[in-house]
Amino acid sequence: MRSCRLRTLTQDKLRDVTAENLAALEKLIHYNIKAGIKVFRISSDLVPFGSSPANDFPWRTAFS
């Protein structure tokens, strides 16, 4: 999972990092299915500053 720092936060960086993290999550899910892994904890780092007012990128709609 990639992350970013608050002081260097931009909408472009949030979009790119979130997109990469979601793509990595999708690969992990497919691997887990093939390997018979039925439980997997998803990190809150998936969307950097996802619940913070500092994140003004509309990630919920952009990636739904």
Protein backbone atom coordinates (compact mmCIF):
# COMPACT_ATOMS: atom_id res chain seq x y z
CA MET A 1 0.00 0.00 0.00
CA ARG A 2 1.20 3.44 -0.85
CA SER A 3 0.56 6.46 1.33
CA CYS A 4 1.24 10.18 1.31
CA ARG A 5 2.00 12.95 3.75
CA LEU A 6 -0.43 15.67 4.70
CA ARG A 7 1.99 18.46 3.79
CA THR A 8 2.37 17.16 0.22
CA LEU A 9 -1.29 16.24 -0.28
CA THR A 10 -2.91 17.11 -3.62
CA GLN A 11 -6.02 15.80 -5.35
CA ASP A 12 -3.87 14.23 -8.06
CA LYS A 13 -1.72 12.43 -5.50
CA LEU A 14 -4.81 11.23 -3.60
CA ARG A 15 -6.37 9.93 -6.81
CA ASP A 16 -3.20 8.15 -7.91
CA VAL A 17 -2.40 6.58 -4.53
CA THR A 18 -5.99 5.47 -3.98
CA ALA A 19 -6.19 3.98 -7.48
CA GLU A 20 -2.94 2.04 -6.96
CA ASN A 21 -4.05 0.82 -3.54
CA LEU A 22 -7.42 -0.34 -4.86
CA ALA A 23 -5.72 -2.16 -7.75
CA ALA A 24 -3.39 -3.88 -5.27
CA LEU A 25 -6.39 -4.82 -3.11
CA GLU A 26 -8.14 -6.37 -6.10
CA LYS A 27 -5.07 -8.51 -6.84
CA LEU A 28 -4.89 -9.56 -3.19
CA ILE A 29 -8.55 -10.56 -3.18
CA HIS A 30 -8.12 -12.69 -6.31
CA TYR A 31 -5.04 -14.33 -4.79
CA ASN A 32 -6.90 -15.02 -1.55
CA ILE A 33 -9.79 -16.62 -3.41
CA LYS A 34 -7.43 -18.91 -5.34
CA ALA A 35 -5.50 -19.77 -2.16
CA GLY A 36 -8.66 -20.47 -0.16
CA ILE A 37 -8.06 -17.60 2.23
CA LYS A 38 -11.47 -16.58 3.55
CA VAL A 39 -10.57 -13.85 6.04
CA PHE A 40 -8.60 -10.74 5.16
CA ARG A 41 -8.26 -7.48 7.06
CA ILE A 42 -8.40 -4.38 4.87
CA SER A 43 -6.20 -1.58 6.15
CA SER A 44 -7.57 1.89 6.79
CA ASP A 45 -4.53 3.10 4.81
CA LEU A 46 -6.27 2.00 1.63
CA VAL A 47 -7.54 5.56 1.10
CA PRO A 48 -5.05 8.06 2.55
CA PHE A 49 -6.86 10.54 4.80
CA GLY A 50 -10.11 8.89 3.71
CA SER A 51 -12.19 10.33 6.54
CA SER A 52 -10.19 13.53 7.01
CA PRO A 53 -11.37 16.98 5.90
CA ALA A 54 -7.90 17.32 4.34
CA ASN A 55 -8.99 14.82 1.68
CA ASP A 56 -11.29 16.80 -0.60
CA PHE A 57 -11.00 14.35 -3.50
CA PRO A 58 -14.40 12.66 -4.11
CA TRP A 59 -12.89 9.17 -3.89
CA ARG A 60 -16.15 7.46 -2.91
CA THR A 61 -17.83 8.40 -6.18
CA ALA A 62 -14.68 8.29 -8.31
CA PHE A 63 -14.00 4.65 -7.47
CA SER A 64 -17.52 3.27 -6.97
